[in-house]
Amino acid sequence: MSQTYAERAARELRSDLNESIFSMDSVAFSAHDSSEYLNDMTANVLLVRDQYFSKIPAMMSYLVQFVSCVIYSLMLNPMVALVLMVMSVIQYFVPMLYGKTINELTVIQSKESGSFTSKMKALLLGRIHSDAPRGH
């Protein structure tokens, strides 16, 4: 189910990007390299799909499991339930501590991917000549 949701959301995102790009006037469109648009529609959409859309169903599942376990543990032993809740809250501090760093690294990865796409486009169009020996 999570893959279905993630794929559907990525398809919608690509569709929205296509609409946005095709609705641009020629001056605005020409202001950016077309490889940036390609990177947004491929690598960045996959990045958003894998980092966000695929996580949402899993988070919902974890939330249901957590609430169920809390209710069950409250019925068994309230003190154990309190300890479990405190320990569960502690694990949520890790994303808070490292989330900013992870987001910064994700932005860097996205920019590097865009740069790679731009260089590959230029190479394939013959604007950059490779110094690597050609195969026979």
Foldseek 3Di string as FASTA:
>chain_A
DLVVQLVVVLVVVLVVLVVVQVPDDPVVNVVDDVLLSVLCNPVVSVVCSVPPSSCVVVVVVVVVVLVVVLVVVCVVPVVVSVVVVVVVVVVVVVCVVCVVVVVVVVVVVSVVSSVVSVVVVCVVVPNDDDPDDDDD
